[in-house]
Amino acid sequence: MSERTGDGYGGRRATSHERMTGLQWDESYQGEEPAPWDAGRPQPAVERLADEGAFTGPVLDAGCGTGENALRIAAAGARVLGVDVAGTALAMAREKARDRGLDAEFALADAFQLARLGRTFETVLDCGLFHTFDDGERGEYVESLAAVTASGGRLFLLCFSDAEPGDWGPRRVTQDELRQSFDRTHGWEVESIAPERLVTSFDGVGVAAWLAAIRRA
């Protein structure tokens, strides 16, 4: 989503024009094979949280892709808005919602400009978005999230973990990086960070990840 950010799974670098238009991300959904992060099912962590009633509405799914997580949240009875920069993914998400008879909303939006939505949310989900940003972008993104998360609201963040070996894919994230990005100075409080698995389109077992629960101060 920027000159310094790849596709999240080892692809080419995007240009600043693509950051604005989402062209790189949109192209990821136009091939014969699904994008690596498009597992075709909700993430196990999201299913578990939904079963526990963790998603109290209204809910924002930031970087919703083809909508599997947002639709799982909607199926649990929460009012949910999924946003993404990839119009192709959003069209796929809307078609799934219609086919499944689920009431979920999907909209084109820049993760760095969430305030333009003109709405606030009690719960926010970030599944695989934070780990695509470089150091400078992280701060901008955290501020964008803060602008739409209600006081006392919660952010559930699922990202690649530094426990995953190898140098393929997106940048690994440490617990310290999460705590530094979402500290009290920036208006957040990290409640918990736990090991998790992030399922991909090529690996049903998943890769090492962190699941962080973060409270908006």
N, C-alpha and C. Protein backbone atom coordinates (compact mmCIF):
# COMPACT_ATOMS: atom_id res chain seq x y z
N MET A 1 0.81 -1.21 0.00
CA MET A 1 0.00 0.00 0.00
C MET A 1 0.85 1.27 0.00
N SER A 2 2.13 1.12 -0.15
CA SER A 2 3.00 2.28 -0.27
C SER A 2 4.24 1.87 -1.03
N GLU A 3 5.12 2.80 -1.29
CA GLU A 3 6.35 2.49 -1.99
C GLU A 3 7.21 1.51 -1.23
N ARG A 4 7.04 1.45 0.08
CA ARG A 4 7.90 0.59 0.88
C ARG A 4 7.23 -0.69 1.30
N THR A 5 6.00 -0.88 0.87
CA THR A 5 5.23 -2.03 1.33
C THR A 5 4.94 -2.98 0.20
N GLY A 6 5.20 -4.28 0.40
CA GLY A 6 4.89 -5.29 -0.60
C GLY A 6 3.47 -5.76 -0.48
N ASP A 7 3.16 -6.91 -1.13
CA ASP A 7 1.79 -7.39 -1.12
C ASP A 7 1.47 -8.18 0.13
N GLY A 8 2.41 -8.24 1.08
CA GLY A 8 2.17 -8.95 2.32
C GLY A 8 2.69 -10.37 2.29
N TYR A 9 2.95 -10.91 1.09
CA TYR A 9 3.41 -12.29 0.99
C TYR A 9 4.53 -12.42 -0.04
N GLY A 10 5.41 -11.44 -0.06
CA GLY A 10 6.61 -11.55 -0.85
C GLY A 10 6.49 -11.10 -2.29
N GLY A 11 5.45 -10.36 -2.67
CA GLY A 11 5.28 -9.91 -4.04
C GLY A 11 6.07 -8.65 -4.31
N ARG A 12 5.83 -8.05 -5.49
CA ARG A 12 6.56 -6.86 -5.87
C ARG A 12 6.15 -5.69 -4.98
N ARG A 13 6.96 -4.62 -5.05
CA ARG A 13 6.66 -3.43 -4.27
C ARG A 13 5.62 -2.58 -4.98
N ALA A 14 4.78 -1.97 -4.18
CA ALA A 14 3.75 -1.10 -4.74
C ALA A 14 4.29 0.30 -4.92
N THR A 15 3.67 1.06 -5.82
CA THR A 15 4.02 2.46 -6.01
C THR A 15 3.10 3.33 -5.19
N SER A 16 3.47 4.61 -5.04
CA SER A 16 2.63 5.51 -4.27
C SER A 16 1.26 5.67 -4.93
N HIS A 17 1.22 5.58 -6.27
CA HIS A 17 -0.08 5.66 -6.96
C HIS A 17 -0.96 4.48 -6.56
N GLU A 18 -0.36 3.31 -6.43
CA GLU A 18 -1.12 2.14 -6.06
C GLU A 18 -1.59 2.23 -4.62
N ARG A 19 -0.83 2.92 -3.77
CA ARG A 19 -1.31 3.11 -2.41
C ARG A 19 -2.62 3.88 -2.41
N MET A 20 -2.74 4.85 -3.27
CA MET A 20 -3.95 5.66 -3.31
C MET A 20 -5.11 4.90 -3.96
N THR A 21 -4.84 4.11 -4.98
CA THR A 21 -5.92 3.49 -5.74
C THR A 21 -6.20 2.05 -5.34
N GLY A 22 -5.25 1.40 -4.70
CA GLY A 22 -5.43 0.00 -4.33
C GLY A 22 -5.26 -0.94 -5.51
N LEU A 23 -4.60 -0.49 -6.59
CA LEU A 23 -4.47 -1.32 -7.79
C LEU A 23 -3.74 -2.63 -7.50
N GLN A 24 -2.66 -2.54 -6.74
CA GLN A 24 -1.90 -3.76 -6.46
C GLN A 24 -2.76 -4.78 -5.73
N TRP A 25 -3.50 -4.32 -4.73
CA TRP A 25 -4.33 -5.22 -3.94
C TRP A 25 -5.48 -5.75 -4.78
N ASP A 26 -6.05 -4.92 -5.62
CA ASP A 26 -7.16 -5.35 -6.44
C ASP A 26 -6.74 -6.45 -7.41
N GLU A 27 -5.56 -6.31 -8.00
CA GLU A 27 -5.05 -7.31 -8.93
C GLU A 27 -4.87 -8.67 -8.25
N SER A 28 -4.63 -8.66 -6.95
CA SER A 28 -4.41 -9.91 -6.23
C SER A 28 -5.64 -10.80 -6.24
N TYR A 29 -6.82 -10.21 -6.46
CA TYR A 29 -8.07 -10.96 -6.44
C TYR A 29 -8.57 -11.30 -7.84
N GLN A 30 -7.79 -11.01 -8.87
CA GLN A 30 -8.24 -11.19 -10.24
C GLN A 30 -7.60 -12.39 -10.93
N GLY A 31 -6.72 -13.11 -10.25
CA GLY A 31 -6.06 -14.27 -10.84
C GLY A 31 -6.89 -15.53 -10.69
N GLU A 32 -6.39 -16.60 -11.28
CA GLU A 32 -7.08 -17.89 -11.19
C GLU A 32 -7.00 -18.48 -9.80
N GLU A 33 -5.88 -18.22 -9.12
CA GLU A 33 -5.68 -18.74 -7.77
C GLU A 33 -6.04 -17.66 -6.74
N PRO A 34 -6.54 -18.04 -5.57
CA PRO A 34 -6.85 -17.03 -4.54
C PRO A 34 -5.58 -16.37 -4.02
N ALA A 35 -5.71 -15.16 -3.55
CA ALA A 35 -4.58 -14.48 -2.92
C ALA A 35 -4.14 -15.30 -1.70
N PRO A 36 -2.85 -15.26 -1.37
CA PRO A 36 -2.35 -16.09 -0.25
C PRO A 36 -3.11 -15.88 1.05
N TRP A 37 -3.56 -14.65 1.30
CA TRP A 37 -4.24 -14.35 2.56
C TRP A 37 -5.74 -14.63 2.50
N ASP A 38 -6.24 -14.99 1.32
CA ASP A 38 -7.67 -15.25 1.14
C ASP A 38 -7.92 -16.75 1.33
N ALA A 39 -8.14 -17.15 2.58
CA ALA A 39 -8.22 -18.56 2.93
C ALA A 39 -9.54 -19.20 2.53
N GLY A 40 -10.53 -18.39 2.13
CA GLY A 40 -11.82 -18.94 1.75
C GLY A 40 -12.67 -19.38 2.92
N ARG A 41 -12.31 -18.93 4.11
CA ARG A 41 -13.03 -19.28 5.33
C ARG A 41 -12.66 -18.25 6.40
N PRO A 42 -13.46 -18.11 7.44
CA PRO A 42 -13.06 -17.21 8.53
C PRO A 42 -11.82 -17.75 9.23
N GLN A 43 -11.04 -16.86 9.78
CA GLN A 43 -9.90 -17.30 10.57
C GLN A 43 -10.41 -17.99 11.84
N PRO A 44 -9.75 -19.09 12.26
CA PRO A 44 -10.18 -19.78 13.48
C PRO A 44 -10.29 -18.85 14.69
N ALA A 45 -9.37 -17.90 14.79
CA ALA A 45 -9.41 -16.96 15.92
C ALA A 45 -10.68 -16.11 15.87
N VAL A 46 -11.09 -15.71 14.67
CA VAL A 46 -12.30 -14.91 14.52
C VAL A 46 -13.53 -15.74 14.86
N GLU A 47 -13.54 -16.98 14.42
CA GLU A 47 -14.67 -17.86 14.77
C GLU A 47 -14.79 -18.02 16.28
N ARG A 48 -13.67 -18.21 16.92
CA ARG A 48 -13.68 -18.39 18.38
C ARG A 48 -14.17 -17.13 19.08
N LEU A 49 -13.67 -15.98 18.66
CA LEU A 49 -14.09 -14.71 19.26
C LEU A 49 -15.57 -14.47 19.03
N ALA A 50 -16.05 -14.81 17.84
CA ALA A 50 -17.47 -14.63 17.54
C ALA A 50 -18.32 -15.52 18.43
N ASP A 51 -17.88 -16.75 18.64
CA ASP A 51 -18.62 -17.67 19.50
C ASP A 51 -18.66 -17.17 20.94
N GLU A 52 -17.60 -16.45 21.33
CA GLU A 52 -17.51 -15.93 22.70
C GLU A 52 -18.28 -14.63 22.87
N GLY A 53 -18.82 -14.09 21.78
CA GLY A 53 -19.55 -12.83 21.86
C GLY A 53 -18.65 -11.62 21.98
N ALA A 54 -17.42 -11.73 21.48
CA ALA A 54 -16.45 -10.64 21.62
C ALA A 54 -16.74 -9.47 20.69
N PHE A 55 -17.46 -9.72 19.59
CA PHE A 55 -17.71 -8.66 18.62
C PHE A 55 -19.04 -7.98 18.92
N THR A 56 -18.97 -6.93 19.72
CA THR A 56 -20.15 -6.14 20.02
C THR A 56 -20.19 -4.96 19.05
N GLY A 57 -21.36 -4.68 18.53
CA GLY A 57 -21.45 -3.72 17.44
C GLY A 57 -21.68 -2.29 17.85
N PRO A 58 -21.48 -1.43 16.86
CA PRO A 58 -21.09 -1.73 15.50
C PRO A 58 -19.63 -2.18 15.40
N VAL A 59 -19.34 -3.03 14.40
CA VAL A 59 -18.02 -3.62 14.22
C VAL A 59 -17.43 -3.15 12.89
N LEU A 60 -16.13 -2.84 12.90
CA LEU A 60 -15.39 -2.52 11.69
C LEU A 60 -14.38 -3.62 11.42
N ASP A 61 -14.38 -4.16 10.20
CA ASP A 61 -13.34 -5.09 9.75
C ASP A 61 -12.45 -4.32 8.79
N ALA A 62 -11.28 -3.91 9.26
CA ALA A 62 -10.35 -3.10 8.47
C ALA A 62 -9.49 -3.99 7.60
N GLY A 63 -9.62 -3.86 6.28
CA GLY A 63 -8.91 -4.74 5.37
C GLY A 63 -9.63 -6.06 5.26
N CYS A 64 -10.92 -6.00 4.93
CA CYS A 64 -11.79 -7.18 5.01
C CYS A 64 -11.60 -8.18 3.89
N GLY A 65 -10.94 -7.79 2.79
CA GLY A 65 -10.77 -8.70 1.68
C GLY A 65 -12.11 -9.17 1.13
N THR A 66 -12.25 -10.47 0.90
CA THR A 66 -13.49 -11.01 0.32
C THR A 66 -14.56 -11.27 1.37
N GLY A 67 -14.33 -10.84 2.60
CA GLY A 67 -15.40 -10.74 3.58
C GLY A 67 -15.68 -11.92 4.48
N GLU A 68 -14.85 -12.97 4.45
CA GLU A 68 -15.17 -14.15 5.25
C GLU A 68 -15.26 -13.84 6.75
N ASN A 69 -14.34 -13.05 7.26
CA ASN A 69 -14.38 -12.72 8.69
C ASN A 69 -15.57 -11.83 9.02
N ALA A 70 -15.82 -10.83 8.19
CA ALA A 70 -16.95 -9.92 8.43
C ALA A 70 -18.27 -10.69 8.39
N LEU A 71 -18.37 -11.62 7.47
CA LEU A 71 -19.61 -12.39 7.36
C LEU A 71 -19.81 -13.33 8.55
N ARG A 72 -18.71 -13.84 9.07
CA ARG A 72 -18.82 -14.68 10.28
C ARG A 72 -19.31 -13.84 11.46
N ILE A 73 -18.82 -12.61 11.54
CA ILE A 73 -19.25 -11.71 12.61
C ILE A 73 -20.73 -11.36 12.44
N ALA A 74 -21.14 -11.11 11.20
CA ALA A 74 -22.55 -10.80 10.92
C ALA A 74 -23.44 -11.99 11.28
N ALA A 75 -22.96 -13.20 11.01
CA ALA A 75 -23.74 -14.40 11.32
C ALA A 75 -23.95 -14.56 12.82
N ALA A 76 -23.04 -13.96 13.61
CA ALA A 76 -23.17 -14.00 15.07
C ALA A 76 -24.13 -12.95 15.59
N GLY A 77 -24.65 -12.11 14.68
CA GLY A 77 -25.66 -11.13 15.07
C GLY A 77 -25.18 -9.71 15.22
N ALA A 78 -23.92 -9.44 14.93
CA ALA A 78 -23.39 -8.08 15.07
C ALA A 78 -23.56 -7.29 13.78
N ARG A 79 -23.72 -6.00 13.92
CA ARG A 79 -23.76 -5.11 12.76
C ARG A 79 -22.32 -4.80 12.37
N VAL A 80 -21.95 -5.09 11.11
CA VAL A 80 -20.55 -5.02 10.73
C VAL A 80 -20.38 -4.30 9.40
N LEU A 81 -19.30 -3.51 9.34
CA LEU A 81 -18.87 -2.86 8.10
C LEU A 81 -17.47 -3.36 7.78
N GLY A 82 -17.31 -3.93 6.59
CA GLY A 82 -15.99 -4.33 6.12
C GLY A 82 -15.48 -3.32 5.11
N VAL A 83 -14.23 -2.88 5.27
CA VAL A 83 -13.65 -1.92 4.33
C VAL A 83 -12.36 -2.47 3.75
N ASP A 84 -12.08 -2.06 2.52
CA ASP A 84 -10.87 -2.48 1.83
C ASP A 84 -10.60 -1.50 0.70
N VAL A 85 -9.37 -1.54 0.16
CA VAL A 85 -9.04 -0.71 -1.00
C VAL A 85 -9.23 -1.46 -2.31
N ALA A 86 -9.53 -2.77 -2.23
CA ALA A 86 -9.66 -3.60 -3.42
C ALA A 86 -11.13 -3.76 -3.79
N GLY A 87 -11.55 -3.08 -4.85
CA GLY A 87 -12.94 -3.15 -5.26
C GLY A 87 -13.37 -4.54 -5.67
N THR A 88 -12.47 -5.30 -6.28
CA THR A 88 -12.81 -6.67 -6.69
C THR A 88 -13.14 -7.52 -5.47
N ALA A 89 -12.35 -7.40 -4.42
CA ALA A 89 -12.61 -8.16 -3.19
C ALA A 89 -13.95 -7.77 -2.59
N LEU A 90 -14.25 -6.48 -2.60
CA LEU A 90 -15.52 -6.02 -2.03
C LEU A 90 -16.71 -6.55 -2.81
N ALA A 91 -16.58 -6.61 -4.13
CA ALA A 91 -17.66 -7.17 -4.95
C ALA A 91 -17.88 -8.64 -4.60
N MET A 92 -16.80 -9.36 -4.38
CA MET A 92 -16.91 -10.77 -3.99
C MET A 92 -17.57 -10.90 -2.62
N ALA A 93 -17.22 -10.00 -1.71
CA ALA A 93 -17.79 -10.03 -0.36
C ALA A 93 -19.31 -9.76 -0.42
N ARG A 94 -19.71 -8.79 -1.21
CA ARG A 94 -21.14 -8.47 -1.32
C ARG A 94 -21.93 -9.64 -1.92
N GLU A 95 -21.33 -10.32 -2.89
CA GLU A 95 -21.99 -11.47 -3.50
C GLU A 95 -22.15 -12.60 -2.47
N LYS A 96 -21.13 -12.82 -1.66
CA LYS A 96 -21.23 -13.83 -0.61
C LYS A 96 -22.34 -13.48 0.37
N ALA A 97 -22.41 -12.21 0.74
CA ALA A 97 -23.44 -11.78 1.70
C ALA A 97 -24.84 -12.05 1.14
N ARG A 98 -25.03 -11.74 -0.15
CA ARG A 98 -26.33 -11.98 -0.77
C ARG A 98 -26.64 -13.48 -0.82
N ASP A 99 -25.65 -14.27 -1.21
CA ASP A 99 -25.86 -15.71 -1.34
C ASP A 99 -26.18 -16.36 0.01
N ARG A 100 -25.60 -15.83 1.06
CA ARG A 100 -25.77 -16.42 2.39
C ARG A 100 -26.89 -15.76 3.19
N GLY A 101 -27.49 -14.74 2.62
CA GLY A 101 -28.57 -14.05 3.30
C GLY A 101 -28.13 -13.33 4.56
N LEU A 102 -26.93 -12.78 4.53
CA LEU A 102 -26.38 -12.10 5.70
C LEU A 102 -26.38 -10.59 5.50
N ASP A 103 -26.68 -9.87 6.56
CA ASP A 103 -26.74 -8.41 6.52
C ASP A 103 -25.39 -7.85 6.94
N ALA A 104 -24.51 -7.66 5.96
CA ALA A 104 -23.20 -7.07 6.21
C ALA A 104 -22.95 -5.99 5.17
N GLU A 105 -22.29 -4.93 5.58
CA GLU A 105 -22.03 -3.79 4.70
C GLU A 105 -20.56 -3.79 4.31
N PHE A 106 -20.27 -3.45 3.05
CA PHE A 106 -18.89 -3.40 2.57
C PHE A 106 -18.68 -2.10 1.81
N ALA A 107 -17.53 -1.45 2.06
CA ALA A 107 -17.28 -0.15 1.45
C ALA A 107 -15.80 0.02 1.11
N LEU A 108 -15.55 0.77 0.06
CA LEU A 108 -14.19 1.10 -0.35
C LEU A 108 -13.65 2.18 0.58
N ALA A 109 -12.49 1.93 1.19
CA ALA A 109 -11.91 2.91 2.12
C ALA A 109 -10.43 2.67 2.27
N ASP A 110 -9.70 3.75 2.50
CA ASP A 110 -8.26 3.72 2.74
C ASP A 110 -8.03 3.54 4.24
N ALA A 111 -7.24 2.54 4.60
CA ALA A 111 -6.99 2.27 6.02
C ALA A 111 -6.30 3.42 6.72
N PHE A 112 -5.65 4.30 5.96
CA PHE A 112 -4.98 5.46 6.56
C PHE A 112 -5.92 6.66 6.70
N GLN A 113 -7.13 6.53 6.19
CA GLN A 113 -8.09 7.65 6.22
C GLN A 113 -9.45 7.17 6.71
N LEU A 114 -9.47 6.37 7.76
CA LEU A 114 -10.72 5.80 8.24
C LEU A 114 -11.68 6.85 8.79
N ALA A 115 -11.15 7.97 9.24
CA ALA A 115 -12.02 9.04 9.76
C ALA A 115 -13.02 9.50 8.70
N ARG A 116 -12.68 9.32 7.43
CA ARG A 116 -13.57 9.74 6.36
C ARG A 116 -14.86 8.92 6.33
N LEU A 117 -14.88 7.80 7.05
CA LEU A 117 -16.12 7.02 7.14
C LEU A 117 -17.19 7.79 7.91
N GLY A 118 -16.76 8.70 8.80
CA GLY A 118 -17.70 9.48 9.59
C GLY A 118 -18.45 8.66 10.61
N ARG A 119 -17.86 7.57 11.07
CA ARG A 119 -18.53 6.66 12.00
C ARG A 119 -17.55 6.22 13.07
N THR A 120 -18.09 5.74 14.18
CA THR A 120 -17.27 5.14 15.22
C THR A 120 -17.77 3.73 15.49
N PHE A 121 -16.86 2.89 15.99
CA PHE A 121 -17.14 1.48 16.14
C PHE A 121 -16.76 1.01 17.54
N GLU A 122 -17.58 0.10 18.06
CA GLU A 122 -17.32 -0.44 19.39
C GLU A 122 -16.25 -1.53 19.35
N THR A 123 -16.20 -2.25 18.24
CA THR A 123 -15.19 -3.29 18.06
C THR A 123 -14.58 -3.15 16.68
N VAL A 124 -13.25 -3.33 16.61
CA VAL A 124 -12.54 -3.29 15.32
C VAL A 124 -11.73 -4.56 15.17
N LEU A 125 -11.74 -5.12 13.97
CA LEU A 125 -10.92 -6.29 13.65
C LEU A 125 -9.89 -5.89 12.61
N ASP A 126 -8.65 -6.25 12.88
CA ASP A 126 -7.57 -6.15 11.89
C ASP A 126 -7.00 -7.55 11.74
N CYS A 127 -7.30 -8.19 10.63
CA CYS A 127 -6.78 -9.53 10.37
C CYS A 127 -5.81 -9.46 9.20
N GLY A 128 -4.53 -9.39 9.49
CA GLY A 128 -3.51 -9.43 8.46
C GLY A 128 -3.21 -8.11 7.78
N LEU A 129 -3.60 -6.99 8.37
CA LEU A 129 -3.33 -5.69 7.76
C LEU A 129 -2.13 -5.00 8.39
N PHE A 130 -2.09 -4.96 9.71
CA PHE A 130 -1.01 -4.26 10.41
C PHE A 130 0.37 -4.72 9.95
N HIS A 131 0.54 -6.01 9.72
CA HIS A 131 1.89 -6.50 9.42
C HIS A 131 2.35 -6.14 8.00
N THR A 132 1.49 -5.51 7.19
CA THR A 132 1.92 -5.08 5.85
C THR A 132 2.58 -3.70 5.86
N PHE A 133 2.52 -2.98 6.99
CA PHE A 133 2.99 -1.60 7.03
C PHE A 133 4.41 -1.50 7.58
N ASP A 134 5.15 -0.50 7.07
CA ASP A 134 6.48 -0.24 7.61
C ASP A 134 6.36 0.64 8.85
N ASP A 135 7.49 0.99 9.46
CA ASP A 135 7.47 1.72 10.73
C ASP A 135 6.72 3.04 10.63
N GLY A 136 6.98 3.81 9.59
CA GLY A 136 6.32 5.09 9.45
C GLY A 136 4.83 4.96 9.23
N GLU A 137 4.44 3.98 8.44
CA GLU A 137 3.02 3.77 8.15
C GLU A 137 2.26 3.28 9.37
N ARG A 138 2.94 2.53 10.23
CA ARG A 138 2.25 2.00 11.41
C ARG A 138 1.66 3.12 12.26
N GLY A 139 2.44 4.15 12.50
CA GLY A 139 1.94 5.27 13.31
C GLY A 139 0.74 5.93 12.68
N GLU A 140 0.78 6.11 11.37
CA GLU A 140 -0.34 6.73 10.66
C GLU A 140 -1.58 5.84 10.74
N TYR A 141 -1.37 4.55 10.63
CA TYR A 141 -2.48 3.60 10.69
C TYR A 141 -3.10 3.55 12.08
N VAL A 142 -2.27 3.56 13.11
CA VAL A 142 -2.78 3.53 14.49
C VAL A 142 -3.61 4.77 14.77
N GLU A 143 -3.18 5.93 14.27
CA GLU A 143 -3.96 7.15 14.43
C GLU A 143 -5.30 7.05 13.70
N SER A 144 -5.28 6.43 12.52
CA SER A 144 -6.51 6.25 11.75
C SER A 144 -7.49 5.36 12.50
N LEU A 145 -6.99 4.28 13.09
CA LEU A 145 -7.84 3.40 13.89
C LEU A 145 -8.43 4.15 15.08
N ALA A 146 -7.60 4.95 15.73
CA ALA A 146 -8.05 5.67 16.92
C ALA A 146 -9.21 6.61 16.59
N ALA A 147 -9.20 7.14 15.38
CA ALA A 147 -10.23 8.11 14.98
C ALA A 147 -11.61 7.48 14.85
N VAL A 148 -11.67 6.14 14.70
CA VAL A 148 -12.98 5.50 14.50
C VAL A 148 -13.33 4.49 15.58
N THR A 149 -12.47 4.33 16.58
CA THR A 149 -12.74 3.39 17.67
C THR A 149 -13.28 4.15 18.87
N ALA A 150 -14.44 3.76 19.33
CA ALA A 150 -15.08 4.45 20.45
C ALA A 150 -14.25 4.31 21.71
N SER A 151 -14.35 5.30 22.59
CA SER A 151 -13.67 5.22 23.88
C SER A 151 -14.11 3.97 24.62
N GLY A 152 -13.16 3.18 25.05
CA GLY A 152 -13.47 1.92 25.71
C GLY A 152 -13.69 0.77 24.75
N GLY A 153 -13.68 1.06 23.44
CA GLY A 153 -13.85 0.02 22.44
C GLY A 153 -12.61 -0.86 22.35
N ARG A 154 -12.78 -1.97 21.66
CA ARG A 154 -11.68 -2.94 21.59
C ARG A 154 -11.29 -3.21 20.14
N LEU A 155 -9.98 -3.39 19.96
CA LEU A 155 -9.40 -3.80 18.69
C LEU A 155 -8.84 -5.20 18.86
N PHE A 156 -9.24 -6.10 17.97
CA PHE A 156 -8.64 -7.42 17.90
C PHE A 156 -7.73 -7.45 16.68
N LEU A 157 -6.44 -7.71 16.89
CA LEU A 157 -5.45 -7.62 15.83
C LEU A 157 -4.76 -8.97 15.67
N LEU A 158 -4.81 -9.51 14.45
CA LEU A 158 -4.19 -10.79 14.13
C LEU A 158 -3.11 -10.53 13.09
N CYS A 159 -1.86 -10.87 13.42
CA CYS A 159 -0.74 -10.56 12.54
C CYS A 159 0.32 -11.65 12.59
N PHE A 160 1.20 -11.65 11.58
CA PHE A 160 2.33 -12.56 11.55
C PHE A 160 3.19 -12.36 12.79
N SER A 161 3.71 -13.46 13.31
CA SER A 161 4.54 -13.44 14.52
C SER A 161 6.00 -13.68 14.17
N ASP A 162 6.88 -13.15 14.99
CA ASP A 162 8.31 -13.39 14.81
C ASP A 162 8.68 -14.84 15.14
N ALA A 163 7.72 -15.63 15.59
CA ALA A 163 7.96 -17.06 15.83
C ALA A 163 7.91 -17.86 14.53
N GLU A 164 7.42 -17.26 13.44
CA GLU A 164 7.37 -17.95 12.16
C GLU A 164 8.75 -17.91 11.50
N PRO A 165 9.36 -19.07 11.19
CA PRO A 165 10.70 -19.09 10.61
C PRO A 165 10.69 -18.68 9.14
N GLY A 166 11.87 -18.43 8.61
CA GLY A 166 12.02 -18.08 7.21
C GLY A 166 11.89 -16.60 6.96
N ASP A 167 12.15 -16.21 5.70
CA ASP A 167 12.09 -14.79 5.34
C ASP A 167 11.06 -14.53 4.24
N TRP A 168 10.18 -15.50 3.97
CA TRP A 168 9.13 -15.30 2.98
C TRP A 168 7.97 -14.53 3.63
N GLY A 169 7.11 -14.00 2.80
CA GLY A 169 5.89 -13.38 3.31
C GLY A 169 6.11 -12.03 3.94
N PRO A 170 5.11 -11.57 4.69
CA PRO A 170 5.17 -10.23 5.29
C PRO A 170 6.17 -10.16 6.43
N ARG A 171 6.44 -8.97 6.84
CA ARG A 171 7.34 -8.71 7.96
C ARG A 171 6.79 -9.33 9.24
N ARG A 172 7.67 -9.98 9.99
CA ARG A 172 7.28 -10.54 11.27
C ARG A 172 7.12 -9.43 12.30
N VAL A 173 6.19 -9.63 13.21
CA VAL A 173 5.90 -8.63 14.23
C VAL A 173 6.22 -9.21 15.60
N THR A 174 6.88 -8.43 16.45
CA THR A 174 7.18 -8.86 17.81
C THR A 174 6.13 -8.31 18.77
N GLN A 175 6.05 -8.92 19.93
CA GLN A 175 5.15 -8.39 20.96
C GLN A 175 5.52 -6.96 21.33
N ASP A 176 6.82 -6.69 21.43
CA ASP A 176 7.26 -5.34 21.78
C ASP A 176 6.80 -4.32 20.76
N GLU A 177 6.82 -4.69 19.47
CA GLU A 177 6.36 -3.76 18.44
C GLU A 177 4.87 -3.45 18.59
N LEU A 178 4.11 -4.46 18.92
CA LEU A 178 2.68 -4.23 19.15
C LEU A 178 2.46 -3.31 20.34
N ARG A 179 3.17 -3.57 21.42
CA ARG A 179 2.99 -2.74 22.63
C ARG A 179 3.47 -1.31 22.40
N GLN A 180 4.52 -1.13 21.62
CA GLN A 180 5.01 0.21 21.34
C GLN A 180 4.06 0.98 20.43
N SER A 181 3.47 0.29 19.47
CA SER A 181 2.55 0.95 18.53
C SER A 181 1.24 1.34 19.20
N PHE A 182 0.78 0.49 20.13
CA PHE A 182 -0.51 0.71 20.77
C PHE A 182 -0.32 0.97 22.27
N ASP A 183 0.46 2.00 22.59
CA ASP A 183 0.71 2.30 24.00
C ASP A 183 -0.21 3.44 24.46
N ARG A 184 -0.12 3.77 25.73
CA ARG A 184 -1.00 4.80 26.29
C ARG A 184 -0.75 6.17 25.67
N THR A 185 0.47 6.40 25.22
CA THR A 185 0.78 7.67 24.58
C THR A 185 -0.09 7.89 23.34
N HIS A 186 -0.40 6.80 22.66
CA HIS A 186 -1.23 6.87 21.46
C HIS A 186 -2.70 6.60 21.75
N GLY A 187 -3.05 6.50 23.04
CA GLY A 187 -4.45 6.35 23.41
C GLY A 187 -4.96 4.93 23.42
N TRP A 188 -4.05 3.97 23.64
CA TRP A 188 -4.44 2.56 23.64
C TRP A 188 -3.87 1.85 24.87
N GLU A 189 -4.45 0.71 25.17
CA GLU A 189 -3.93 -0.16 26.23
C GLU A 189 -4.00 -1.61 25.75
N VAL A 190 -2.84 -2.25 25.64
CA VAL A 190 -2.80 -3.65 25.23
C VAL A 190 -3.24 -4.51 26.41
N GLU A 191 -4.33 -5.25 26.22
CA GLU A 191 -4.86 -6.11 27.27
C GLU A 191 -4.19 -7.48 27.26
N SER A 192 -3.96 -8.02 26.07
CA SER A 192 -3.35 -9.34 25.98
C SER A 192 -2.75 -9.55 24.60
N ILE A 193 -1.72 -10.38 24.54
CA ILE A 193 -1.15 -10.84 23.28
C ILE A 193 -0.90 -12.33 23.44
N ALA A 194 -1.50 -13.13 22.57
CA ALA A 194 -1.40 -14.58 22.70
C ALA A 194 -0.99 -15.21 21.37
N PRO A 195 -0.26 -16.33 21.42
CA PRO A 195 0.09 -17.04 20.18
C PRO A 195 -1.17 -17.54 19.47
N GLU A 196 -1.16 -17.47 18.15
CA GLU A 196 -2.31 -17.88 17.35
C GLU A 196 -1.79 -18.45 16.04
N ARG A 197 -2.68 -18.97 15.21
CA ARG A 197 -2.36 -19.42 13.87
C ARG A 197 -3.15 -18.59 12.87
N LEU A 198 -2.49 -18.21 11.79
CA LEU A 198 -3.11 -17.44 10.72
C LEU A 198 -3.20 -18.34 9.50
N VAL A 199 -4.41 -18.76 9.16
CA VAL A 199 -4.62 -19.68 8.04
C VAL A 199 -4.47 -18.93 6.72
N THR A 200 -3.84 -19.59 5.74
CA THR A 200 -3.64 -19.01 4.42
C THR A 200 -4.32 -19.88 3.37
N SER A 201 -4.31 -19.42 2.12
CA SER A 201 -4.93 -20.20 1.05
C SER A 201 -4.10 -21.42 0.68
N PHE A 202 -2.84 -21.43 1.09
CA PHE A 202 -1.97 -22.55 0.75
C PHE A 202 -1.60 -23.41 1.95
N ASP A 203 -2.08 -23.07 3.13
CA ASP A 203 -1.72 -23.81 4.33
C ASP A 203 -2.88 -23.76 5.33
N GLY A 204 -3.63 -24.85 5.40
CA GLY A 204 -4.78 -24.89 6.29
C GLY A 204 -4.41 -24.92 7.75
N VAL A 205 -3.17 -25.37 8.05
CA VAL A 205 -2.71 -25.39 9.44
C VAL A 205 -2.41 -23.98 9.91
N GLY A 206 -1.89 -23.16 9.00
CA GLY A 206 -1.63 -21.78 9.33
C GLY A 206 -0.20 -21.51 9.74
N VAL A 207 0.12 -20.24 9.82
CA VAL A 207 1.46 -19.78 10.21
C VAL A 207 1.38 -19.15 11.59
N ALA A 208 2.54 -19.02 12.22
CA ALA A 208 2.59 -18.45 13.57
C ALA A 208 2.15 -16.99 13.55
N ALA A 209 1.29 -16.65 14.48
CA ALA A 209 0.73 -15.31 14.52
C ALA A 209 0.54 -14.88 15.97
N TRP A 210 0.24 -13.59 16.11
CA TRP A 210 -0.18 -13.05 17.40
C TRP A 210 -1.63 -12.64 17.29
N LEU A 211 -2.37 -12.86 18.37
CA LEU A 211 -3.71 -12.30 18.50
C LEU A 211 -3.66 -11.34 19.68
N ALA A 212 -3.81 -10.06 19.39
CA ALA A 212 -3.76 -9.02 20.41
C ALA A 212 -5.15 -8.46 20.65
N ALA A 213 -5.48 -8.27 21.93
CA ALA A 213 -6.70 -7.58 22.34
C ALA A 213 -6.27 -6.24 22.90
N ILE A 214 -6.76 -5.15 22.30
CA ILE A 214 -6.27 -3.82 22.63
C ILE A 214 -7.48 -2.91 22.90
N ARG A 215 -7.41 -2.19 23.98
CA ARG A 215 -8.51 -1.32 24.42
C ARG A 215 -8.22 0.13 24.05
N ARG A 216 -9.23 0.81 23.54
CA ARG A 216 -9.10 2.26 23.25
C ARG A 216 -9.34 3.02 24.54
N ALA A 217 -8.35 3.77 24.95
CA ALA A 217 -8.44 4.50 26.23
C ALA A 217 -9.40 5.66 26.10
